[in-house]
């Protein structure tokens, strides 16, 4: 296979998921870090950047989940999942849902600028980061990166 063959790269049965997954992971983790920094420093500019990072992470989570499901359907021909692959799928969906919940909290906070964001979002963000990290770790095993 030619590494510069665009058609082969775009139509590979699993490549899109593996490439796309890095965007929401990075955007979400940086967004959470910025949110914690904004909470600590009380800087509105950090909160704004965190909001847009979380927005982009939520948007990118949609094609990531879709390509993950398509990779399962194409690579394994839809056979029943078990073990690490099942755990990865379940945690991936849970992670995407948590990313959307965290974004929704921030969206709701921007619609009511006179009220501060709820502090319960911070432990929820940490839980979501943990879920994303464990999901990524399991994905690394599936792709062969982690052993």
C-alpha atoms as a PDB file:
ATOM      1  CA  UNK A   1       0.000   0.000   0.000  1.00  0.00           C
ATOM      2  CA  UNK A   2       1.279   3.439  -0.940  1.00  0.00           C
ATOM      3  CA  UNK A   3       1.399   5.724   2.146  1.00  0.00           C
ATOM      4  CA  UNK A   4       0.456   8.714  -0.037  1.00  0.00           C
ATOM      5  CA  UNK A   5      -2.605   7.079  -1.590  1.00  0.00           C
ATOM      6  CA  UNK A   6      -5.443   9.335  -0.404  1.00  0.00           C
ATOM      7  CA  UNK A   7      -8.163   6.895  -1.438  1.00  0.00           C
ATOM      8  CA  UNK A   8      -6.693   4.068   0.653  1.00  0.00           C
ATOM      9  CA  UNK A   9      -6.226   6.348   3.651  1.00  0.00           C
ATOM     10  CA  UNK A  10      -9.760   7.754   3.558  1.00  0.00           C
ATOM     11  CA  UNK A  11     -11.484   4.443   2.885  1.00  0.00           C
ATOM     12  CA  UNK A  12      -9.581   2.310   5.402  1.00  0.00           C
ATOM     13  CA  UNK A  13     -12.115   0.545   7.579  1.00  0.00           C
ATOM     14  CA  UNK A  14     -10.748   1.804  10.906  1.00  0.00           C
ATOM     15  CA  UNK A  15      -8.434   4.727  10.156  1.00  0.00           C
ATOM     16  CA  UNK A  16     -10.957   7.511  10.595  1.00  0.00           C
ATOM     17  CA  UNK A  17     -11.766   6.573  14.190  1.00  0.00           C
ATOM     18  CA  UNK A  18      -8.116   6.285  15.150  1.00  0.00           C
ATOM     19  CA  UNK A  19      -7.316   9.659  13.592  1.00  0.00           C
ATOM     20  CA  UNK A  20     -10.388  11.561  14.821  1.00  0.00           C
ATOM     21  CA  UNK A  21     -10.298  10.377  18.427  1.00  0.00           C
ATOM     22  CA  UNK A  22      -7.360  12.587  19.343  1.00  0.00           C
ATOM     23  CA  UNK A  23      -9.292  15.814  18.751  1.00  0.00           C
ATOM     24  CA  UNK A  24     -12.033  15.448  21.384  1.00  0.00           C
ATOM     25  CA  UNK A  25      -9.622  13.916  23.892  1.00  0.00           C
ATOM     26  CA  UNK A  26      -7.207  16.834  23.653  1.00  0.00           C
ATOM     27  CA  UNK A  27      -9.892  19.501  23.398  1.00  0.00           C
ATOM     28  CA  UNK A  28     -11.824  18.146  26.365  1.00  0.00           C
ATOM     29  CA  UNK A  29      -8.839  17.699  28.661  1.00  0.00           C
ATOM     30  CA  UNK A  30      -7.470  21.144  27.824  1.00  0.00           C
ATOM     31  CA  UNK A  31     -10.962  22.618  28.234  1.00  0.00           C
ATOM     32  CA  UNK A  32     -11.276  21.087  31.690  1.00  0.00           C
ATOM     33  CA  UNK A  33      -7.815  22.348  32.625  1.00  0.00           C
ATOM     34  CA  UNK A  34      -8.751  25.828  31.456  1.00  0.00           C
ATOM     35  CA  UNK A  35     -12.020  25.657  33.380  1.00  0.00           C
ATOM     36  CA  UNK A  36     -10.154  24.780  36.573  1.00  0.00           C
ATOM     37  CA  UNK A  37      -7.690  27.602  35.887  1.00  0.00           C
ATOM     38  CA  UNK A  38     -10.580  30.013  35.263  1.00  0.00           C
ATOM     39  CA  UNK A  39     -12.244  28.938  38.506  1.00  0.00           C
ATOM     40  CA  UNK A  40      -8.994  29.452  40.397  1.00  0.00           C
ATOM     41  CA  UNK A  41      -7.968  32.777  38.818  1.00  0.00           C
ATOM     42  CA  UNK A  42     -11.493  34.153  38.204  1.00  0.00           C
ATOM     43  CA  UNK A  43     -10.463  35.196  34.669  1.00  0.00           C
ATOM     44  CA  UNK A  44     -13.366  35.436  32.233  1.00  0.00           C
ATOM     45  CA  UNK A  45     -11.064  34.982  29.232  1.00  0.00           C
ATOM     46  CA  UNK A  46     -10.015  31.528  30.453  1.00  0.00           C
ATOM     47  CA  UNK A  47     -13.647  30.587  30.976  1.00  0.00           C
ATOM     48  CA  UNK A  48     -14.464  31.675  27.413  1.00  0.00           C
ATOM     49  CA  UNK A  49     -11.640  29.605  25.926  1.00  0.00           C
ATOM     50  CA  UNK A  50     -12.662  26.630  28.084  1.00  0.00           C
ATOM     51  CA  UNK A  51     -16.233  26.985  26.785  1.00  0.00           C
ATOM     52  CA  UNK A  52     -15.129  26.858  23.144  1.00  0.00           C
ATOM     53  CA  UNK A  53     -12.783  23.932  23.807  1.00  0.00           C
ATOM     54  CA  UNK A  54     -15.641  22.018  25.421  1.00  0.00           C
ATOM     55  CA  UNK A  55     -17.954  22.952  22.531  1.00  0.00           C
ATOM     56  CA  UNK A  56     -15.495  21.604  19.963  1.00  0.00           C
ATOM     57  CA  UNK A  57     -14.866  18.466  22.039  1.00  0.00           C
ATOM     58  CA  UNK A  58     -18.609  17.791  22.165  1.00  0.00           C
ATOM     59  CA  UNK A  59     -18.992  18.344  18.417  1.00  0.00           C
ATOM     60  CA  UNK A  60     -16.015  16.100  17.575  1.00  0.00           C
ATOM     61  CA  UNK A  61     -17.347  13.353  19.866  1.00  0.00           C
ATOM     62  CA  UNK A  62     -20.212  12.705  17.435  1.00  0.00           C
ATOM     63  CA  UNK A  63     -18.112  11.578  14.439  1.00  0.00           C
ATOM     64  CA  UNK A  64     -15.759   9.730  16.797  1.00  0.00           C
ATOM     65  CA  UNK A  65     -18.564   7.600  18.224  1.00  0.00           C
ATOM     66  CA  UNK A  66     -20.003   7.107  14.737  1.00  0.00           C
ATOM     67  CA  UNK A  67     -16.677   6.001  13.237  1.00  0.00           C
ATOM     68  CA  UNK A  68     -16.044   3.726  16.222  1.00  0.00           C
ATOM     69  CA  UNK A  69     -19.355   1.976  15.642  1.00  0.00           C
ATOM     70  CA  UNK A  70     -18.674   1.806  11.891  1.00  0.00           C
ATOM     71  CA  UNK A  71     -15.230   0.314  12.554  1.00  0.00           C
ATOM     72  CA  UNK A  72     -16.867  -2.383  14.684  1.00  0.00           C
ATOM     73  CA  UNK A  73     -19.450  -3.083  11.996  1.00  0.00           C
ATOM     74  CA  UNK A  74     -16.855  -3.197   9.186  1.00  0.00           C
ATOM     75  CA  UNK A  75     -13.879  -4.821  10.903  1.00  0.00           C
ATOM     76  CA  UNK A  76     -15.789  -7.398  12.932  1.00  0.00           C
ATOM     77  CA  UNK A  77     -18.821  -7.579  10.648  1.00  0.00           C
ATOM     78  CA  UNK A  78     -21.096  -6.701  13.553  1.00  0.00           C
ATOM     79  CA  UNK A  79     -20.278  -9.758  15.629  1.00  0.00           C
ATOM     80  CA  UNK A  80     -21.046  -9.710  19.343  1.00  0.00           C
ATOM     81  CA  UNK A  81     -18.544  -7.713  21.375  1.00  0.00           C
ATOM     82  CA  UNK A  82     -16.828  -8.968  24.515  1.00  0.00           C
ATOM     83  CA  UNK A  83     -13.827  -8.176  26.684  1.00  0.00           C
ATOM     84  CA  UNK A  84     -11.806  -5.040  26.110  1.00  0.00           C
ATOM     85  CA  UNK A  85     -13.658  -4.109  22.934  1.00  0.00           C
ATOM     86  CA  UNK A  86     -17.025  -4.134  24.730  1.00  0.00           C
ATOM     87  CA  UNK A  87     -15.558  -2.141  27.630  1.00  0.00           C
ATOM     88  CA  UNK A  88     -14.097   0.355  25.145  1.00  0.00           C
ATOM     89  CA  UNK A  89     -17.442   0.779  23.381  1.00  0.00           C
ATOM     90  CA  UNK A  90     -19.420   1.236  26.591  1.00  0.00           C
ATOM     91  CA  UNK A  91     -16.884   3.643  28.095  1.00  0.00           C
ATOM     92  CA  UNK A  92     -16.668   5.521  24.787  1.00  0.00           C
ATOM     93  CA  UNK A  93     -20.398   6.153  24.800  1.00  0.00           C
ATOM     94  CA  UNK A  94     -20.299   7.083  28.510  1.00  0.00           C
ATOM     95  CA  UNK A  95     -17.361   9.444  27.842  1.00  0.00           C
ATOM     96  CA  UNK A  96     -19.167  11.133  24.952  1.00  0.00           C
ATOM     97  CA  UNK A  97     -22.283  11.549  27.100  1.00  0.00           C
ATOM     98  CA  UNK A  98     -20.224  13.058  29.937  1.00  0.00           C
ATOM     99  CA  UNK A  99     -18.521  15.443  27.500  1.00  0.00           C
ATOM    100  CA  UNK A 100     -21.950  16.615  26.318  1.00  0.00           C
ATOM    101  CA  UNK A 101     -23.224  16.987  29.891  1.00  0.00           C
ATOM    102  CA  UNK A 102     -20.201  19.089  30.852  1.00  0.00           C
ATOM    103  CA  UNK A 103     -20.678  21.238  27.742  1.00  0.00           C
ATOM    104  CA  UNK A 104     -24.393  21.601  28.504  1.00  0.00           C
ATOM    105  CA  UNK A 105     -23.560  22.872  32.017  1.00  0.00           C
ATOM    106  CA  UNK A 106     -21.262  25.493  30.485  1.00  0.00           C
ATOM    107  CA  UNK A 107     -23.825  26.393  27.818  1.00  0.00           C
ATOM    108  CA  UNK A 108     -26.491  26.856  30.483  1.00  0.00           C
ATOM    109  CA  UNK A 109     -24.071  29.019  32.463  1.00  0.00           C
ATOM    110  CA  UNK A 110     -23.418  31.263  29.457  1.00  0.00           C
ATOM    111  CA  UNK A 111     -27.153  31.766  28.964  1.00  0.00           C
ATOM    112  CA  UNK A 112     -27.400  33.077  32.546  1.00  0.00           C
ATOM    113  CA  UNK A 113     -24.280  35.259  32.882  1.00  0.00           C
ATOM    114  CA  UNK A 114     -25.514  36.857  36.110  1.00  0.00           C
ATOM    115  CA  UNK A 115     -25.285  33.492  37.911  1.00  0.00           C
ATOM    116  CA  UNK A 116     -21.958  31.739  38.528  1.00  0.00           C
ATOM    117  CA  UNK A 117     -21.453  28.238  37.159  1.00  0.00           C
ATOM    118  CA  UNK A 118     -22.339  25.449  39.558  1.00  0.00           C
ATOM    119  CA  UNK A 119     -19.370  24.106  41.458  1.00  0.00           C
ATOM    120  CA  UNK A 120     -20.591  20.519  41.034  1.00  0.00           C
ATOM    121  CA  UNK A 121     -19.306  20.741  37.462  1.00  0.00           C
ATOM    122  CA  UNK A 122     -15.691  20.437  38.641  1.00  0.00           C
ATOM    123  CA  UNK A 123     -15.968  16.915  40.128  1.00  0.00           C
ATOM    124  CA  UNK A 124     -18.112  15.942  37.130  1.00  0.00           C
ATOM    125  CA  UNK A 125     -15.374  17.212  34.806  1.00  0.00           C
ATOM    126  CA  UNK A 126     -12.787  15.163  36.700  1.00  0.00           C
ATOM    127  CA  UNK A 127     -14.999  12.085  36.404  1.00  0.00           C
ATOM    128  CA  UNK A 128     -15.361  12.725  32.679  1.00  0.00           C
ATOM    129  CA  UNK A 129     -11.584  13.128  32.255  1.00  0.00           C
ATOM    130  CA  UNK A 130     -11.098   9.818  34.071  1.00  0.00           C
ATOM    131  CA  UNK A 131     -13.666   8.117  31.816  1.00  0.00           C
ATOM    132  CA  UNK A 132     -11.994   9.557  28.695  1.00  0.00           C
ATOM    133  CA  UNK A 133      -8.546   8.475  29.913  1.00  0.00           C
ATOM    134  CA  UNK A 134      -9.644   4.907  30.670  1.00  0.00           C
ATOM    135  CA  UNK A 135     -11.456   4.694  27.325  1.00  0.00           C
ATOM    136  CA  UNK A 136      -8.334   5.930  25.523  1.00  0.00           C
ATOM    137  CA  UNK A 137      -6.183   3.469  27.451  1.00  0.00           C
ATOM    138  CA  UNK A 138      -8.400   0.563  26.388  1.00  0.00           C
ATOM    139  CA  UNK A 139      -8.361   1.868  22.820  1.00  0.00           C
ATOM    140  CA  UNK A 140      -4.587   1.829  22.937  1.00  0.00           C
ATOM    141  CA  UNK A 141      -4.681  -1.883  23.741  1.00  0.00           C
ATOM    142  CA  UNK A 142      -7.084  -2.479  20.866  1.00  0.00           C
ATOM    143  CA  UNK A 143      -4.886  -0.612  18.389  1.00  0.00           C
ATOM    144  CA  UNK A 144      -1.730  -2.344  19.597  1.00  0.00           C
ATOM    145  CA  UNK A 145      -0.084   0.775  20.990  1.00  0.00           C
ATOM    146  CA  UNK A 146      -0.289  -0.377  24.633  1.00  0.00           C
ATOM    147  CA  UNK A 147       0.801  -3.946  24.096  1.00  0.00           C
END
